[in-house]
PDB file of all heavy atoms in Angstrom:
ATOM      1  N   TYR A   1     287.353-110.895  15.417  1.00  0.00           N
ATOM      2  CA  TYR A   1     288.011-109.602  15.250  1.00  0.00           C
ATOM      3  C   TYR A   1     289.317-109.585  16.044  1.00  0.00           C
ATOM      4  O   TYR A   1     289.404-110.198  17.119  1.00  0.00           O
ATOM      5  CB  TYR A   1     287.100-108.476  15.748  1.00  0.00           C
ATOM      6  CG  TYR A   1     285.818-108.346  14.962  1.00  0.00           C
ATOM      7  CD1 TYR A   1     284.641-108.926  15.435  1.00  0.00           C
ATOM      8  CD2 TYR A   1     285.795-107.666  13.747  1.00  0.00           C
ATOM      9  CE1 TYR A   1     283.461-108.827  14.722  1.00  0.00           C
ATOM     10  CE2 TYR A   1     284.618-107.554  13.021  1.00  0.00           C
ATOM     11  CZ  TYR A   1     283.450-108.137  13.513  1.00  0.00           C
ATOM     12  OH  TYR A   1     282.291-108.040  12.783  1.00  0.00           O
ATOM     13  N   PRO A   2     290.343-108.908  15.516  1.00  0.00           N
ATOM     14  CA  PRO A   2     291.592-108.791  16.286  1.00  0.00           C
ATOM     15  C   PRO A   2     291.324-108.096  17.624  1.00  0.00           C
ATOM     16  O   PRO A   2     290.751-107.016  17.665  1.00  0.00           O
ATOM     17  CB  PRO A   2     292.482-107.913  15.388  1.00  0.00           C
ATOM     18  CG  PRO A   2     291.887-108.034  14.015  1.00  0.00           C
ATOM     19  CD  PRO A   2     290.412-108.205  14.217  1.00  0.00           C
ATOM     20  N   ASP A   3     291.721-108.761  18.687  1.00  0.00           N
ATOM     21  CA  ASP A   3     291.516-108.186  20.023  1.00  0.00           C
ATOM     22  C   ASP A   3     292.328-109.008  21.016  1.00  0.00           C
ATOM     23  O   ASP A   3     291.953-110.124  21.356  1.00  0.00           O
ATOM     24  CB  ASP A   3     290.033-108.219  20.400  1.00  0.00           C
ATOM     25  CG  ASP A   3     289.772-107.500  21.719  1.00  0.00           C
ATOM     26  OD1 ASP A   3     290.315-106.399  21.902  1.00  0.00           O
ATOM     27  OD2 ASP A   3     289.034-108.040  22.559  1.00  0.00           O
ATOM     28  N   GLY A   4     293.441-108.426  21.469  1.00  0.00           N
ATOM     29  CA  GLY A   4     294.296-109.164  22.392  1.00  0.00           C
ATOM     30  C   GLY A   4     295.011-110.304  21.698  1.00  0.00           C
ATOM     31  O   GLY A   4     295.234-110.300  20.483  1.00  0.00           O
ATOM     32  N   ASP A   5     295.347-111.334  22.460  1.00  0.00           N
ATOM     33  CA  ASP A   5     296.121-112.464  21.931  1.00  0.00           C
ATOM     34  C   ASP A   5     295.275-113.434  21.126  1.00  0.00           C
ATOM     35  O   ASP A   5     295.771-114.122  20.231  1.00  0.00           O
ATOM     36  CB  ASP A   5     296.797-113.216  23.083  1.00  0.00           C
ATOM     37  CG  ASP A   5     297.830-112.360  23.793  1.00  0.00           C
ATOM     38  OD1 ASP A   5     298.388-111.454  23.143  1.00  0.00           O
ATOM     39  OD2 ASP A   5     298.068-112.604  24.994  1.00  0.00           O
ATOM     40  N   PHE A   6     293.977-113.518  21.467  1.00  0.00           N
ATOM     41  CA  PHE A   6     293.160-114.575  20.854  1.00  0.00           C
ATOM     42  C   PHE A   6     292.038-114.032  19.974  1.00  0.00           C
ATOM     43  O   PHE A   6     291.320-114.793  19.354  1.00  0.00           O
ATOM     44  CB  PHE A   6     292.551-115.455  21.952  1.00  0.00           C
ATOM     45  CG  PHE A   6     293.574-116.054  22.873  1.00  0.00           C
ATOM     46  CD1 PHE A   6     293.808-115.520  24.126  1.00  0.00           C
ATOM     47  CD2 PHE A   6     294.341-117.132  22.465  1.00  0.00           C
ATOM     48  CE1 PHE A   6     294.754-116.056  24.964  1.00  0.00           C
ATOM     49  CE2 PHE A   6     295.302-117.678  23.305  1.00  0.00           C
ATOM     50  CZ  PHE A   6     295.512-117.147  24.560  1.00  0.00           C
ATOM     51  N   GLY A   7     291.878-112.725  19.909  1.00  0.00           N
ATOM     52  CA  GLY A   7     290.814-112.161  19.110  1.00  0.00           C
ATOM     53  C   GLY A   7     289.478-112.228  19.829  1.00  0.00           C
ATOM     54  O   GLY A   7     289.336-112.837  20.892  1.00  0.00           O
ATOM     55  N   TYR A   8     288.485-111.603  19.235  1.00  0.00           N
ATOM     56  CA  TYR A   8     287.138-111.564  19.831  1.00  0.00           C
ATOM     57  C   TYR A   8     286.143-112.147  18.843  1.00  0.00           C
ATOM     58  O   TYR A   8     286.025-111.694  17.709  1.00  0.00           O
ATOM     59  CB  TYR A   8     286.748-110.126  20.164  1.00  0.00           C
ATOM     60  CG  TYR A   8     285.304-109.979  20.593  1.00  0.00           C
ATOM     61  CD1 TYR A   8     284.844-110.522  21.780  1.00  0.00           C
ATOM     62  CD2 TYR A   8     284.389-109.287  19.790  1.00  0.00           C
ATOM     63  CE1 TYR A   8     283.518-110.381  22.176  1.00  0.00           C
ATOM     64  CE2 TYR A   8     283.061-109.142  20.175  1.00  0.00           C
ATOM     65  CZ  TYR A   8     282.626-109.696  21.370  1.00  0.00           C
ATOM     66  OH  TYR A   8     281.316-109.571  21.740  1.00  0.00           O
ATOM     67  N   SER A   9     285.431-113.183  19.276  1.00  0.00           N
ATOM     68  CA  SER A   9     284.424-113.845  18.450  1.00  0.00           C
ATOM     69  C   SER A   9     283.073-113.735  19.143  1.00  0.00           C
ATOM     70  O   SER A   9     282.804-114.455  20.121  1.00  0.00           O
ATOM     71  CB  SER A   9     284.780-115.326  18.244  1.00  0.00           C
ATOM     72  OG  SER A   9     286.040-115.465  17.632  1.00  0.00           O
ATOM     73  N   PRO A  10     282.201-112.835  18.691  1.00  0.00           N
ATOM     74  CA  PRO A  10     280.899-112.688  19.349  1.00  0.00           C
ATOM     75  C   PRO A  10     280.060-113.949  19.204  1.00  0.00           C
ATOM     76  O   PRO A  10     280.151-114.665  18.207  1.00  0.00           O
ATOM     77  CB  PRO A  10     280.269-111.508  18.617  1.00  0.00           C
ATOM     78  CG  PRO A  10     280.962-111.450  17.293  1.00  0.00           C
ATOM     79  CD  PRO A  10     282.359-111.917  17.546  1.00  0.00           C
ATOM     80  N   ARG A  11     279.240-114.207  20.225  1.00  0.00           N
ATOM     81  CA  ARG A  11     278.354-115.373  20.230  1.00  0.00           C
ATOM     82  C   ARG A  11     276.922-114.921  20.468  1.00  0.00           C
ATOM     83  O   ARG A  11     276.672-113.928  21.133  1.00  0.00           O
ATOM     84  CB  ARG A  11     278.737-116.358  21.348  1.00  0.00           C
ATOM     85  CG  ARG A  11     280.070-117.049  21.141  1.00  0.00           C
ATOM     86  CD  ARG A  11     280.457-117.855  22.380  1.00  0.00           C
ATOM     87  NE  ARG A  11     281.549-118.767  22.113  1.00  0.00           N
ATOM     88  CZ  ARG A  11     281.387-120.022  21.697  1.00  0.00           C
ATOM     89  NH1 ARG A  11     280.174-120.505  21.493  1.00  0.00           N
ATOM     90  NH2 ARG A  11     282.422-120.804  21.471  1.00  0.00           N
ATOM     91  N   ASN A  12     275.997-115.661  19.933  1.00  0.00           N
ATOM     92  CA  ASN A  12     274.583-115.410  20.196  1.00  0.00           C
ATOM     93  C   ASN A  12     274.179-116.036  21.522  1.00  0.00           C
ATOM     94  O   ASN A  12     274.781-117.012  21.978  1.00  0.00           O
ATOM     95  CB  ASN A  12     273.710-115.984  19.076  1.00  0.00           C
ATOM     96  CG  ASN A  12     273.887-115.233  17.776  1.00  0.00           C
ATOM     97  OD1 ASN A  12     273.946-114.006  17.769  1.00  0.00           O
ATOM     98  ND2 ASN A  12     274.003-115.969  16.676  1.00  0.00           N
ATOM     99  N   TYR A  13     273.172-115.460  22.161  1.00  0.00           N
ATOM    100  CA  TYR A  13     272.652-116.038  23.396  1.00  0.00           C
ATOM    101  C   TYR A  13     272.096-117.423  23.081  1.00  0.00           C
ATOM    102  O   TYR A  13     271.223-117.585  22.242  1.00  0.00           O
ATOM    103  CB  TYR A  13     271.546-115.150  23.973  1.00  0.00           C
ATOM    104  CG  TYR A  13     271.047-115.594  25.332  1.00  0.00           C
ATOM    105  CD1 TYR A  13     271.731-115.234  26.482  1.00  0.00           C
ATOM    106  CD2 TYR A  13     269.886-116.363  25.455  1.00  0.00           C
ATOM    107  CE1 TYR A  13     271.289-115.618  27.733  1.00  0.00           C
ATOM    108  CE2 TYR A  13     269.428-116.760  26.703  1.00  0.00           C
ATOM    109  CZ  TYR A  13     270.129-116.383  27.839  1.00  0.00           C
ATOM    110  OH  TYR A  13     269.680-116.780  29.077  1.00  0.00           O
ATOM    111  N   GLY A  14     272.637-118.449  23.713  1.00  0.00           N
ATOM    112  CA  GLY A  14     272.213-119.817  23.441  1.00  0.00           C
ATOM    113  C   GLY A  14     273.019-120.502  22.367  1.00  0.00           C
ATOM    114  O   GLY A  14     272.834-121.697  22.120  1.00  0.00           O
ATOM    115  N   GLY A  15     273.931-119.760  21.709  1.00  0.00           N
ATOM    116  CA  GLY A  15     274.780-120.353  20.687  1.00  0.00           C
ATOM    117  C   GLY A  15     274.092-120.459  19.338  1.00  0.00           C
ATOM    118  O   GLY A  15     272.939-120.059  19.155  1.00  0.00           O
ATOM    119  N   GLY A  16     274.792-121.020  18.358  1.00  0.00           N
ATOM    120  CA  GLY A  16     274.233-121.243  17.032  1.00  0.00           C
ATOM    121  C   GLY A  16     274.290-120.024  16.139  1.00  0.00           C
ATOM    122  O   GLY A  16     274.626-118.919  16.575  1.00  0.00           O
ATOM    123  N   PHE A  17     273.944-120.237  14.861  1.00  0.00           N
ATOM    124  CA  PHE A  17     273.955-119.175  13.861  1.00  0.00           C
ATOM    125  C   PHE A  17     272.703-119.312  12.998  1.00  0.00           C
ATOM    126  O   PHE A  17     272.203-120.410  12.764  1.00  0.00           O
ATOM    127  CB  PHE A  17     275.207-119.259  12.976  1.00  0.00           C
ATOM    128  CG  PHE A  17     276.495-119.287  13.768  1.00  0.00           C
ATOM    129  CD1 PHE A  17     277.090-120.502  14.087  1.00  0.00           C
ATOM    130  CD2 PHE A  17     277.088-118.114  14.196  1.00  0.00           C
ATOM    131  CE1 PHE A  17     278.271-120.541  14.824  1.00  0.00           C
ATOM    132  CE2 PHE A  17     278.267-118.146  14.938  1.00  0.00           C
ATOM    133  CZ  PHE A  17     278.860-119.356  15.247  1.00  0.00           C
ATOM    134  N   SER A  18     272.217-118.193  12.495  1.00  0.00           N
ATOM    135  CA  SER A  18     270.985-118.194  11.702  1.00  0.00           C
ATOM    136  C   SER A  18     271.226-117.937  10.229  1.00  0.00           C
ATOM    137  O   SER A  18     270.283-117.971   9.429  1.00  0.00           O
ATOM    138  CB  SER A  18     270.008-117.136  12.239  1.00  0.00           C
ATOM    139  OG  SER A  18     269.681-117.397  13.588  1.00  0.00           O
ATOM    140  N   GLY A  19     272.455-117.626   9.840  1.00  0.00           N
ATOM    141  CA  GLY A  19     272.734-117.346   8.440  1.00  0.00           C
ATOM    142  C   GLY A  19     272.187-115.995   8.026  1.00  0.00           C
ATOM    143  O   GLY A  19     272.270-115.018   8.767  1.00  0.00           O
ATOM    144  N   ALA A  20     271.593-115.928   6.830  1.00  0.00           N
ATOM    145  CA  ALA A  20     271.047-114.671   6.315  1.00  0.00           C
ATOM    146  C   ALA A  20     269.706-114.373   6.990  1.00  0.00           C
ATOM    147  O   ALA A  20     268.779-115.184   6.939  1.00  0.00           O
ATOM    148  CB  ALA A  20     270.875-114.757   4.795  1.00  0.00           C
ATOM    149  N   VAL A  21     269.623-113.222   7.634  1.00  0.00           N
ATOM    150  CA  VAL A  21     268.380-112.818   8.302  1.00  0.00           C
ATOM    151  C   VAL A  21     268.130-111.337   8.054  1.00  0.00           C
ATOM    152  O   VAL A  21     269.061-110.568   7.782  1.00  0.00           O
ATOM    153  CB  VAL A  21     268.433-113.059   9.828  1.00  0.00           C
ATOM    154  CG1 VAL A  21     268.504-114.537  10.151  1.00  0.00           C
ATOM    155  CG2 VAL A  21     269.593-112.313  10.454  1.00  0.00           C
ATOM    156  N   SER A  22     266.879-110.930   8.154  1.00  0.00           N
ATOM    157  CA  SER A  22     266.564-109.506   8.043  1.00  0.00           C
ATOM    158  C   SER A  22     266.927-108.806   9.354  1.00  0.00           C
ATOM    159  O   SER A  22     266.971-109.436  10.414  1.00  0.00           O
ATOM    160  CB  SER A  22     265.076-109.302   7.744  1.00  0.00           C
ATOM    161  OG  SER A  22     264.294-109.682   8.874  1.00  0.00           O
ATOM    162  N   ILE A  23     267.158-107.519   9.258  1.00  0.00           N
ATOM    163  CA  ILE A  23     267.436-106.749  10.478  1.00  0.00           C
ATOM    164  C   ILE A  23     266.246-106.843  11.420  1.00  0.00           C
ATOM    165  O   ILE A  23     266.413-106.955  12.646  1.00  0.00           O
ATOM    166  CB  ILE A  23     267.752-105.287  10.138  1.00  0.00           C
ATOM    167  CG1 ILE A  23     269.172-105.189   9.563  1.00  0.00           C
ATOM    168  CG2 ILE A  23     267.613-104.385  11.361  1.00  0.00           C
ATOM    169  CD1 ILE A  23     269.616-103.779   9.219  1.00  0.00           C
ATOM    170  N   ARG A  24     265.048-106.819  10.879  1.00  0.00           N
ATOM    171  CA  ARG A  24     263.848-106.910  11.701  1.00  0.00           C
ATOM    172  C   ARG A  24     263.859-108.195  12.538  1.00  0.00           C
ATOM    173  O   ARG A  24     263.579-108.175  13.740  1.00  0.00           O
ATOM    174  CB  ARG A  24     262.611-106.871  10.806  1.00  0.00           C
ATOM    175  CG  ARG A  24     261.299-106.762  11.569  1.00  0.00           C
ATOM    176  CD  ARG A  24     260.114-106.817  10.618  1.00  0.00           C
ATOM    177  NE  ARG A  24     260.166-105.786   9.601  1.00  0.00           N
ATOM    178  CZ  ARG A  24     259.744-104.538   9.775  1.00  0.00           C
ATOM    179  NH1 ARG A  24     259.236-104.176  10.957  1.00  0.00           N
ATOM    180  NH2 ARG A  24     259.817-103.664   8.793  1.00  0.00           N
ATOM    181  N   GLN A  25     264.233-109.306  11.892  1.00  0.00           N
ATOM    182  CA  GLN A  25     264.279-110.578  12.607  1.00  0.00           C
ATOM    183  C   GLN A  25     265.452-110.628  13.589  1.00  0.00           C
ATOM    184  O   GLN A  25     265.314-111.121  14.717  1.00  0.00           O
ATOM    185  CB  GLN A  25     264.388-111.739  11.607  1.00  0.00           C
ATOM    186  CG  GLN A  25     264.469-113.125  12.220  1.00  0.00           C
ATOM    187  CD  GLN A  25     263.227-113.533  12.984  1.00  0.00           C
ATOM    188  OE1 GLN A  25     262.182-112.863  12.880  1.00  0.00           O
ATOM    189  NE2 GLN A  25     263.293-114.622  13.742  1.00  0.00           N
ATOM    190  N   ALA A  26     266.600-110.100  13.173  1.00  0.00           N
ATOM    191  CA  ALA A  26     267.775-110.097  14.046  1.00  0.00           C
ATOM    192  C   ALA A  26     267.493-109.312  15.321  1.00  0.00           C
ATOM    193  O   ALA A  26     267.919-109.702  16.413  1.00  0.00           O
ATOM    194  CB  ALA A  26     268.977-109.510  13.313  1.00  0.00           C
ATOM    195  N   LEU A  27     266.783-108.207  15.191  1.00  0.00           N
ATOM    196  CA  LEU A  27     266.447-107.385  16.349  1.00  0.00           C
ATOM    197  C   LEU A  27     265.372-108.048  17.202  1.00  0.00           C
ATOM    198  O   LEU A  27     265.440-108.031  18.438  1.00  0.00           O
ATOM    199  CB  LEU A  27     265.974-106.009  15.879  1.00  0.00           C
ATOM    200  CG  LEU A  27     265.863-104.879  16.903  1.00  0.00           C
ATOM    201  CD1 LEU A  27     267.132-104.745  17.723  1.00  0.00           C
ATOM    202  CD2 LEU A  27     265.553-103.572  16.197  1.00  0.00           C
ATOM    203  N   ALA A  28     264.399-108.667  16.550  1.00  0.00           N
ATOM    204  CA  ALA A  28     263.297-109.300  17.287  1.00  0.00           C
ATOM    205  C   ALA A  28     263.788-110.407  18.204  1.00  0.00           C
ATOM    206  O   ALA A  28     263.337-110.521  19.350  1.00  0.00           O
ATOM    207  CB  ALA A  28     262.253-109.835  16.312  1.00  0.00           C
ATOM    208  N   VAL A  29     264.701-111.238  17.707  1.00  0.00           N
ATOM    209  CA  VAL A  29     265.175-112.371  18.513  1.00  0.00           C
ATOM    210  C   VAL A  29     266.518-112.074  19.175  1.00  0.00           C
ATOM    211  O   VAL A  29     267.121-112.942  19.789  1.00  0.00           O
ATOM    212  CB  VAL A  29     265.268-113.653  17.659  1.00  0.00           C
ATOM    213  CG1 VAL A  29     263.901-114.026  17.110  1.00  0.00           C
ATOM    214  CG2 VAL A  29     266.276-113.497  16.524  1.00  0.00           C
ATOM    215  N   SER A  30     266.990-110.825  19.023  1.00  0.00           N
ATOM    216  CA  SER A  30     268.182-110.324  19.706  1.00  0.00           C
ATOM    217  C   SER A  30     269.446-111.105  19.359  1.00  0.00           C
ATOM    218  O   SER A  30     270.206-111.521  20.247  1.00  0.00           O
ATOM    219  CB  SER A  30     267.974-110.333  21.226  1.00  0.00           C
ATOM    220  OG  SER A  30     268.884-109.472  21.873  1.00  0.00           O
ATOM    221  N   LEU A  31     269.705-111.265  18.052  1.00  0.00           N
ATOM    222  CA  LEU A  31     270.954-111.891  17.631  1.00  0.00           C
ATOM    223  C   LEU A  31     272.114-110.928  17.895  1.00  0.00           C
ATOM    224  O   LEU A  31     272.023-109.734  17.620  1.00  0.00           O
ATOM    225  CB  LEU A  31     270.894-112.242  16.140  1.00  0.00           C
ATOM    226  CG  LEU A  31     269.845-113.286  15.743  1.00  0.00           C
ATOM    227  CD1 LEU A  31     269.821-113.453  14.224  1.00  0.00           C
ATOM    228  CD2 LEU A  31     270.137-114.624  16.423  1.00  0.00           C
ATOM    229  N   ASN A  32     273.208-111.457  18.407  1.00  0.00           N
ATOM    230  CA  ASN A  32     274.351-110.624  18.778  1.00  0.00           C
ATOM    231  C   ASN A  32     275.287-110.331  17.613  1.00  0.00           C
ATOM    232  O   ASN A  32     275.779-109.211  17.456  1.00  0.00           O
ATOM    233  CB  ASN A  32     275.147-111.283  19.900  1.00  0.00           C
ATOM    234  CG  ASN A  32     274.419-111.259  21.226  1.00  0.00           C
ATOM    235  OD1 ASN A  32     273.530-110.437  21.437  1.00  0.00           O
ATOM    236  ND2 ASN A  32     274.775-112.167  22.116  1.00  0.00           N
ATOM    237  N   ILE A  33     275.550-111.356  16.801  1.00  0.00           N
ATOM    238  CA  ILE A  33     276.582-111.221  15.775  1.00  0.00           C
ATOM    239  C   ILE A  33     276.226-110.148  14.743  1.00  0.00           C
ATOM    240  O   ILE A  33     277.082-109.307  14.409  1.00  0.00           O
ATOM    241  CB  ILE A  33     276.844-112.588  15.101  1.00  0.00           C
ATOM    242  CG1 ILE A  33     277.424-113.560  16.149  1.00  0.00           C
ATOM    243  CG2 ILE A  33     277.801-112.438  13.927  1.00  0.00           C
ATOM    244  CD1 ILE A  33     277.552-114.987  15.655  1.00  0.00           C
ATOM    245  N   PRO A  34     275.004-110.085  14.220  1.00  0.00           N
ATOM    246  CA  PRO A  34     274.690-109.000  13.270  1.00  0.00           C
ATOM    247  C   PRO A  34     274.866-107.609  13.865  1.00  0.00           C
ATOM    248  O   PRO A  34     275.295-106.684  13.168  1.00  0.00           O
ATOM    249  CB  PRO A  34     273.221-109.270  12.915  1.00  0.00           C
ATOM    250  CG  PRO A  34     273.043-110.735  13.126  1.00  0.00           C
ATOM    251  CD  PRO A  34     273.887-111.050  14.319  1.00  0.00           C
TER     252      PRO A  34
END
C-alpha cells in the first residue's frame, strides 16, 4: 500500500503466504495480510 517513500507491505507472523483461505481459518491462525 502507498505509505511514505517505500510503501507498506504487511507480513504474516513467521513469514509466508497461504493463498485462498476462509476467514475462519485466517482468524484461527492469526494471518495478518487478510
